[in-house]
Amino acid sequence: MELFESAILALRSFLDGFDRKKSWTANPFPSWPCGGQKSIVMKEGLGLELGCPDLESVACLMWTENLAKVADGRITLVGPDFPESIDQSLPFGKVVLAGVEGFTDENAYSRHRAMDLIRYDLDLEGFMIRAVSQYMKEWCRISRKAIKQGFSARILASSLLGLFRREPYVKSVEVIIMTSSASDVMHLKEVIEPAGKIVAAMNRMYTETDYDCEKCDYRDVCDDAAELKRMREHLKNTAARGVHG
């Protein structure tokens, strides 16, 4: 199942345009202490804010069953790292690419939702996700103490990768973080907007009981994605079986 193939290709092309980017291999055992479900970062102890409402923010999860399209364990940072930016607010872009297996019309949505919720399981001392107002936005805070102790993009991404790898159907994971400028993050948002529309279409299919395509705001999205059409037909048939017996 390949819902995000064109969006992943567009993302790769976009990232190729940046000469100054850092790349690491994820630390499989990041040593950062836990925050104790959950770490709270108050304003008086704030060391860095990422993607606050006054700045650009975008967060996206995309997956593929073509494992060659995901550089497993790679972390890419475009822009300044967290320790370089103490007492600042930065725009924030974060994209997780997951190489998966066994996705079907029946389970793709539930597995996507499970992976999307993984970010809330991050338990890192001095780090908190303050708000996710809607899909494709993320607002985070990092304490001044954590920044001074070296909390970095690599630590954050490594911890996130570790959580993804707990899922048996996830075979590879890659994380891209962008803090360079509001215009860069805005451009990133435009590049991955088609992925957001696909997720919005899935959300609608699974949260509403009206399967009338003529009335759907995402009809054009489904028209371009055969997989979404199959998922809709599966839901429609399942609902019909439920009604008739």
Protein backbone atom coordinates (compact mmCIF):
# COMPACT_ATOMS: atom_id res chain seq x y z
CA MET A 1 0.00 0.00 0.00
CA GLU A 2 1.58 3.28 -1.14
CA LEU A 3 -0.50 6.32 -0.19
CA PHE A 4 2.45 8.67 0.27
CA GLU A 5 4.79 7.78 -2.59
CA SER A 6 4.61 11.11 -4.44
CA ALA A 7 4.79 13.13 -1.19
CA ILE A 8 7.95 11.27 -0.12
CA LEU A 9 9.55 11.93 -3.51
CA ALA A 10 8.67 15.63 -3.25
CA LEU A 11 10.17 15.75 0.25
CA ARG A 12 13.44 14.22 -0.96
CA SER A 13 13.68 16.74 -3.77
CA PHE A 14 13.00 19.60 -1.35
CA LEU A 15 15.68 18.47 1.11
CA ASP A 16 18.23 18.11 -1.70
CA GLY A 17 18.03 21.88 -2.10
CA PHE A 18 19.66 22.47 1.30
CA ASP A 19 23.46 22.35 1.29
CA ARG A 20 23.84 23.05 4.99
CA LYS A 21 22.21 20.22 6.86
CA LYS A 22 23.45 17.89 9.54
CA SER A 23 22.92 14.18 9.60
CA TRP A 24 23.42 11.54 12.28
CA THR A 25 22.71 7.91 12.89
CA ALA A 26 20.20 7.50 15.70
CA ASN A 27 21.51 6.42 19.07
CA PRO A 28 19.68 3.13 19.73
CA PHE A 29 19.97 3.69 23.49
CA PRO A 30 19.70 7.43 24.18
CA SER A 31 20.77 8.08 27.75
CA TRP A 32 18.51 11.05 28.44
CA PRO A 33 16.54 10.56 31.69
CA CYS A 34 12.78 10.10 31.73
CA GLY A 35 10.56 12.97 32.73
CA GLY A 36 8.20 10.94 34.84
CA GLN A 37 4.99 11.03 32.78
CA LYS A 38 5.02 13.84 31.88
CA SER A 39 7.72 16.46 32.18
CA ILE A 40 6.20 19.91 32.62
CA VAL A 41 8.15 22.94 31.35
CA MET A 42 6.89 26.17 32.88
CA LYS A 43 7.53 29.56 31.32
CA GLU A 44 10.00 30.59 34.00
CA GLY A 45 12.19 27.55 33.22
CA LEU A 46 11.81 27.71 29.46
CA GLY A 47 15.00 27.36 27.44
CA LEU A 48 13.67 26.86 23.92
CA GLU A 49 10.29 26.88 22.25
CA LEU A 50 9.64 25.03 19.00
CA GLY A 51 6.73 25.80 16.69
CA CYS A 52 4.85 28.13 19.01
CA PRO A 53 1.67 29.78 17.61
CA ASP A 54 3.57 32.91 16.56
CA LEU A 55 5.89 30.89 14.33
CA GLU A 56 5.54 28.33 11.55
CA SER A 57 5.06 24.72 12.56
CA VAL A 58 4.47 21.50 10.66
CA ALA A 59 4.60 17.86 11.73
CA CYS A 60 3.86 14.91 9.50
CA LEU A 61 4.02 11.12 9.48
CA MET A 62 4.34 9.25 6.19
CA TRP A 63 4.83 5.54 5.63
CA THR A 64 5.74 3.22 2.79
CA GLU A 65 6.08 -0.51 2.24
CA ASN A 66 9.04 0.16 -0.04
CA LEU A 67 11.72 -0.06 2.64
CA ALA A 68 14.38 1.25 0.24
CA LYS A 69 12.73 4.67 0.43
CA VAL A 70 13.50 5.05 4.15
CA ALA A 71 17.06 5.57 5.40
CA ASP A 72 16.69 3.55 8.58
CA GLY A 73 18.08 5.28 11.65
CA ARG A 74 19.02 8.49 9.86
CA ILE A 75 18.32 11.84 11.52
CA THR A 76 18.55 14.99 9.40
CA LEU A 77 18.56 18.51 10.83
CA VAL A 78 18.11 21.59 8.68
CA GLY A 79 18.88 24.66 10.79
CA PRO A 80 20.40 25.31 14.23
CA ASP A 81 20.47 22.55 16.83
CA PHE A 82 18.77 23.06 20.17
CA PRO A 83 21.89 23.84 22.27
CA GLU A 84 22.77 26.62 19.80
CA SER A 85 19.41 28.30 20.36
CA ILE A 86 18.96 28.74 24.10
CA ASP A 87 16.36 31.32 25.16
CA GLN A 88 14.94 31.50 21.66
CA SER A 89 11.79 30.48 19.81
CA LEU A 90 12.30 28.60 16.57
CA PRO A 91 10.01 27.54 13.74
CA PHE A 92 9.63 23.78 13.79
CA GLY A 93 9.26 21.20 11.08
CA LYS A 94 9.27 17.49 11.83
CA VAL A 95 8.68 14.63 9.41
CA VAL A 96 8.77 10.96 10.36
CA LEU A 97 9.17 8.43 7.56
CA ALA A 98 8.33 4.85 8.49
CA GLY A 99 9.06 1.74 6.44
CA VAL A 100 6.27 -0.71 7.22
CA GLU A 101 4.91 -4.09 6.21
CA GLY A 102 1.54 -5.81 6.22
CA PHE A 103 -0.63 -2.74 5.65
CA THR A 104 -4.05 -3.51 4.15
CA ASP A 105 -7.31 -1.71 3.40
CA GLU A 106 -8.57 -3.03 6.73
CA ASN A 107 -5.71 -2.01 9.03
CA ALA A 108 -3.94 0.95 7.39
CA TYR A 109 -5.92 3.64 9.20
CA SER A 110 -5.69 2.09 12.67
CA ARG A 111 -1.96 1.55 12.26
CA HIS A 112 -1.47 5.11 11.02
CA ARG A 113 -3.35 6.42 14.07
CA ALA A 114 -1.26 4.26 16.39
CA MET A 115 1.97 5.59 14.90
CA ASP A 116 0.74 9.19 14.93
CA LEU A 117 0.01 8.94 18.66
CA ILE A 118 3.52 7.70 19.46
CA ARG A 119 4.78 11.28 19.87
CA TYR A 120 2.69 11.56 23.05
CA ASP A 121 4.63 8.65 24.55
CA LEU A 122 7.88 10.61 24.55
CA ASP A 123 8.97 10.83 28.18
CA LEU A 124 12.07 13.00 28.33
CA GLU A 125 13.10 15.15 31.24
CA GLY A 126 12.81 18.83 30.32
CA PHE A 127 10.80 18.25 27.13
CA MET A 128 7.08 18.56 26.59
CA ILE A 129 4.66 18.74 23.71
CA ARG A 130 2.57 21.73 24.74
CA ALA A 131 -0.10 21.45 22.06
CA VAL A 132 -1.01 19.89 18.76
CA SER A 133 -3.93 22.04 17.67
CA GLN A 134 -4.54 20.10 14.49
CA TYR A 135 -2.87 17.62 12.19
CA MET A 136 0.43 18.92 10.80
CA LYS A 137 1.21 21.23 13.72
CA GLU A 138 3.32 20.65 16.80
CA TRP A 139 4.32 23.00 19.63
CA CYS A 140 7.08 21.90 22.01
CA ARG A 141 8.95 23.32 24.98
CA ILE A 142 12.42 22.42 26.24
CA SER A 143 13.65 23.57 29.64
CA ARG A 144 16.67 25.79 30.06
CA LYS A 145 18.26 23.13 32.28
CA ALA A 146 17.85 20.48 29.56
CA ILE A 147 19.33 22.75 26.89
CA LYS A 148 22.34 23.51 29.08
CA GLN A 149 22.81 19.79 29.67
CA GLY A 150 22.91 19.13 25.93
CA PHE A 151 19.40 18.13 24.93
CA SER A 152 19.57 18.07 21.13
CA ALA A 153 17.69 17.23 17.96
CA ARG A 154 19.55 13.92 17.85
CA ILE A 155 18.38 12.98 21.35
CA LEU A 156 14.78 13.89 20.56
CA ALA A 157 14.75 12.05 17.23
CA SER A 158 16.59 8.99 18.60
CA SER A 159 14.02 8.64 21.37
CA LEU A 160 11.20 8.95 18.86
CA LEU A 161 12.76 6.33 16.59
CA GLY A 162 13.04 3.94 19.52
CA LEU A 163 9.32 4.22 20.22
CA PHE A 164 8.41 3.57 16.58
CA ARG A 165 10.55 0.44 16.50
CA ARG A 166 8.43 -1.13 19.22
CA GLU A 167 5.64 -1.59 16.69
CA PRO A 168 6.06 -5.01 15.02
CA TYR A 169 4.97 -3.74 11.60
CA VAL A 170 7.55 -0.89 11.58
CA LYS A 171 10.78 -2.07 9.95
CA SER A 172 12.66 1.21 9.43
CA VAL A 173 12.36 4.80 10.62
CA GLU A 174 13.86 8.14 9.57
CA VAL A 175 13.34 11.58 11.12
CA ILE A 176 13.78 15.01 9.54
CA ILE A 177 13.77 18.15 11.72
CA MET A 178 13.80 21.72 10.40
CA THR A 179 14.51 24.84 12.46
CA SER A 180 16.17 27.03 9.83
CA SER A 181 13.56 29.72 9.12
CA ALA A 182 9.84 30.37 9.01
CA SER A 183 9.95 30.51 5.22
CA ASP A 184 11.69 27.12 5.02
CA VAL A 185 9.13 25.52 7.33
CA MET A 186 6.32 27.15 5.36
CA HIS A 187 7.77 25.68 2.16
CA LEU A 188 8.07 22.29 3.85
CA LYS A 189 4.39 22.53 4.79
CA GLU A 190 3.51 23.17 1.14
CA VAL A 191 5.62 20.23 -0.02
CA ILE A 192 3.93 17.73 2.30
CA GLU A 193 0.44 19.22 2.08
CA PRO A 194 -0.75 16.34 -0.18
CA ALA A 195 0.10 13.92 2.63
CA GLY A 196 -2.00 15.99 5.00
CA LYS A 197 -4.95 15.82 2.64
CA ILE A 198 -4.64 12.05 2.43
CA VAL A 199 -4.71 11.75 6.22
CA ALA A 200 -7.64 14.16 6.44
CA ALA A 201 -9.52 12.02 3.92
CA MET A 202 -8.82 8.88 5.98
CA ASN A 203 -9.95 10.64 9.15
CA ARG A 204 -13.21 11.62 7.51
CA MET A 205 -13.88 8.12 6.24
CA TYR A 206 -13.43 6.61 9.68
CA THR A 207 -15.19 9.28 11.76
CA GLU A 208 -18.26 9.85 9.58
CA THR A 209 -20.86 7.37 8.46
CA ASP A 210 -21.80 9.10 5.21
CA TYR A 211 -19.97 7.43 2.31
CA ASP A 212 -21.48 9.65 -0.39
CA CYS A 213 -18.46 10.71 -2.46
CA GLU A 214 -20.44 13.41 -4.23
CA LYS A 215 -20.75 15.37 -0.98
CA CYS A 216 -17.19 14.81 0.28
CA ASP A 217 -14.65 17.66 0.42
CA TYR A 218 -11.87 15.15 -0.29
CA ARG A 219 -13.32 13.60 -3.41
CA ASP A 220 -10.43 14.88 -5.54
CA VAL A 221 -7.91 13.33 -3.14
CA CYS A 222 -9.56 9.91 -3.35
CA ASP A 223 -9.84 10.21 -7.12
CA ASP A 224 -6.04 10.37 -7.24
CA ALA A 225 -5.45 7.53 -4.77
CA ALA A 226 -6.79 4.08 -5.61
CA GLU A 227 -5.86 2.88 -2.11
CA LEU A 228 -8.23 5.41 -0.52
CA LYS A 229 -11.03 4.26 -2.80
CA ARG A 230 -10.46 0.66 -1.71
CA MET A 231 -10.48 1.68 1.95
CA ARG A 232 -13.76 3.54 1.44
CA GLU A 233 -15.32 0.54 -0.29
CA HIS A 234 -14.17 -1.71 2.55
CA LEU A 235 -15.80 0.59 5.12
CA LYS A 236 -18.96 0.90 3.04
CA ASN A 237 -19.26 -2.88 2.67
CA THR A 238 -18.53 -3.45 6.36
CA ALA A 239 -21.23 -0.95 7.31
CA ALA A 240 -23.70 -2.62 4.95
CA ARG A 241 -23.00 -6.03 6.47
CA GLY A 242 -23.56 -4.56 9.92
CA VAL A 243 -26.92 -3.13 8.90
CA HIS A 244 -28.16 -6.27 7.17
CA GLY A 245 -27.03 -8.78 9.57
